C-alpha atoms as a PDB file:
ATOM      1  CA  UNK A   1       0.000   0.000   0.000  1.00  0.00           C
ATOM      2  CA  UNK A   2       1.335   3.428  -0.880  1.00  0.00           C
ATOM      3  CA  UNK A   3       1.763   6.134   1.738  1.00  0.00           C
ATOM      4  CA  UNK A   4      -0.834   8.352   0.049  1.00  0.00           C
ATOM      5  CA  UNK A   5      -3.543   5.695   0.406  1.00  0.00           C
ATOM      6  CA  UNK A   6      -3.342   5.419   4.210  1.00  0.00           C
ATOM      7  CA  UNK A   7      -4.932   8.835   4.977  1.00  0.00           C
ATOM      8  CA  UNK A   8      -7.662   8.104   2.434  1.00  0.00           C
ATOM      9  CA  UNK A   9      -8.478   4.822   4.149  1.00  0.00           C
ATOM     10  CA  UNK A  10      -8.777   6.465   7.557  1.00  0.00           C
ATOM     11  CA  UNK A  11     -10.927   9.274   6.160  1.00  0.00           C
ATOM     12  CA  UNK A  12     -13.111   6.720   4.404  1.00  0.00           C
ATOM     13  CA  UNK A  13     -13.581   4.752   7.624  1.00  0.00           C
ATOM     14  CA  UNK A  14     -14.456   7.903   9.560  1.00  0.00           C
ATOM     15  CA  UNK A  15     -17.016   8.901   6.933  1.00  0.00           C
ATOM     16  CA  UNK A  16     -18.603   5.441   7.005  1.00  0.00           C
ATOM     17  CA  UNK A  17     -18.826   5.472  10.793  1.00  0.00           C
ATOM     18  CA  UNK A  18     -20.267   9.001  10.774  1.00  0.00           C
ATOM     19  CA  UNK A  19     -22.806   7.989   8.099  1.00  0.00           C
ATOM     20  CA  UNK A  20     -23.870   4.915  10.044  1.00  0.00           C
ATOM     21  CA  UNK A  21     -24.169   7.024  13.189  1.00  0.00           C
ATOM     22  CA  UNK A  22     -26.383   9.531  11.386  1.00  0.00           C
ATOM     23  CA  UNK A  23     -28.526   6.716   9.976  1.00  0.00           C
ATOM     24  CA  UNK A  24     -29.002   5.245  13.451  1.00  0.00           C
ATOM     25  CA  UNK A  25     -29.806   8.682  14.868  1.00  0.00           C
ATOM     26  CA  UNK A  26     -32.349   9.274  12.094  1.00  0.00           C
ATOM     27  CA  UNK A  27     -33.957   5.911  12.797  1.00  0.00           C
ATOM     28  CA  UNK A  28     -34.189   6.740  16.496  1.00  0.00           C
ATOM     29  CA  UNK A  29     -35.824  10.066  15.679  1.00  0.00           C
ATOM     30  CA  UNK A  30     -38.364   8.304  13.476  1.00  0.00           C
ATOM     31  CA  UNK A  31     -39.105   5.800  16.248  1.00  0.00           C
ATOM     32  CA  UNK A  32     -39.407   8.520  18.895  1.00  0.00           C
ATOM     33  CA  UNK A  33     -42.945   9.246  17.681  1.00  0.00           C
ATOM     34  CA  UNK A  34     -43.970   5.865  19.105  1.00  0.00           C
ATOM     35  CA  UNK A  35     -42.913   6.972  22.593  1.00  0.00           C
ATOM     36  CA  UNK A  36     -45.167   9.939  23.421  1.00  0.00           C
ATOM     37  CA  UNK A  37     -44.133   9.831  27.108  1.00  0.00           C
ATOM     38  CA  UNK A  38     -40.581  10.716  26.067  1.00  0.00           C
ATOM     39  CA  UNK A  39     -40.234  14.371  26.980  1.00  0.00           C
ATOM     40  CA  UNK A  40     -43.030  14.230  29.552  1.00  0.00           C
ATOM     41  CA  UNK A  41     -41.086  12.503  32.320  1.00  0.00           C
ATOM     42  CA  UNK A  42     -40.788  13.839  35.859  1.00  0.00           C
ATOM     43  CA  UNK A  43     -37.884  16.253  35.818  1.00  0.00           C
ATOM     44  CA  UNK A  44     -38.729  17.694  32.390  1.00  0.00           C
ATOM     45  CA  UNK A  45     -39.286  21.383  32.990  1.00  0.00           C
ATOM     46  CA  UNK A  46     -41.528  23.727  30.976  1.00  0.00           C
ATOM     47  CA  UNK A  47     -41.676  27.479  31.464  1.00  0.00           C
ATOM     48  CA  UNK A  48     -43.874  29.778  29.441  1.00  0.00           C
ATOM     49  CA  UNK A  49     -43.874  33.521  29.714  1.00  0.00           C
ATOM     50  CA  UNK A  50     -45.017  36.483  27.708  1.00  0.00           C
ATOM     51  CA  UNK A  51     -41.919  36.530  25.520  1.00  0.00           C
ATOM     52  CA  UNK A  52     -41.388  32.838  24.884  1.00  0.00           C
ATOM     53  CA  UNK A  53     -41.113  29.289  26.126  1.00  0.00           C
ATOM     54  CA  UNK A  54     -38.268  27.310  27.675  1.00  0.00           C
ATOM     55  CA  UNK A  55     -38.175  23.522  27.734  1.00  0.00           C
ATOM     56  CA  UNK A  56     -35.489  21.607  29.670  1.00  0.00           C
ATOM     57  CA  UNK A  57     -35.880  17.822  29.267  1.00  0.00           C
ATOM     58  CA  UNK A  58     -33.675  16.945  32.261  1.00  0.00           C
ATOM     59  CA  UNK A  59     -35.491  13.722  33.190  1.00  0.00           C
ATOM     60  CA  UNK A  60     -35.501  12.499  29.591  1.00  0.00           C
ATOM     61  CA  UNK A  61     -31.791  13.286  29.189  1.00  0.00           C
ATOM     62  CA  UNK A  62     -30.946  11.298  32.327  1.00  0.00           C
ATOM     63  CA  UNK A  63     -33.009   8.276  31.245  1.00  0.00           C
ATOM     64  CA  UNK A  64     -31.557   8.315  27.714  1.00  0.00           C
ATOM     65  CA  UNK A  65     -28.043   8.686  29.080  1.00  0.00           C
ATOM     66  CA  UNK A  66     -28.453   5.651  31.335  1.00  0.00           C
ATOM     67  CA  UNK A  67     -30.032   3.519  28.586  1.00  0.00           C
ATOM     68  CA  UNK A  68     -27.407   4.479  25.983  1.00  0.00           C
ATOM     69  CA  UNK A  69     -24.549   3.917  28.452  1.00  0.00           C
ATOM     70  CA  UNK A  70     -25.813   0.408  29.243  1.00  0.00           C
ATOM     71  CA  UNK A  71     -26.353  -0.352  25.545  1.00  0.00           C
ATOM     72  CA  UNK A  72     -22.894   0.890  24.561  1.00  0.00           C
ATOM     73  CA  UNK A  73     -21.212  -1.068  27.371  1.00  0.00           C
ATOM     74  CA  UNK A  74     -23.010  -4.269  26.337  1.00  0.00           C
ATOM     75  CA  UNK A  75     -22.042  -3.758  22.683  1.00  0.00           C
ATOM     76  CA  UNK A  76     -18.404  -3.098  23.589  1.00  0.00           C
ATOM     77  CA  UNK A  77     -18.387  -6.151  25.879  1.00  0.00           C
ATOM     78  CA  UNK A  78     -19.731  -8.319  23.035  1.00  0.00           C
ATOM     79  CA  UNK A  79     -17.340  -6.802  20.493  1.00  0.00           C
ATOM     80  CA  UNK A  80     -14.252  -7.356  22.656  1.00  0.00           C
ATOM     81  CA  UNK A  81     -15.566 -10.823  23.425  1.00  0.00           C
END
């Protein structure tokens, strides 16, 4: 393999991983419609005033963080096997 091909291979791998990540994220966004309680958990704060609204989904962020951390750890455990 020539020296000029090595950076192209790493860039290609990064682009594939980024594309797969975006595809997974898009799929999750499409599936989020099936979970109407997501965003209405205890700890999700809504403020509405005369000049606008503020929404802080703290409870949802904590739940998603825990679920994604467990999922990622299981996948890495399986991958390292």
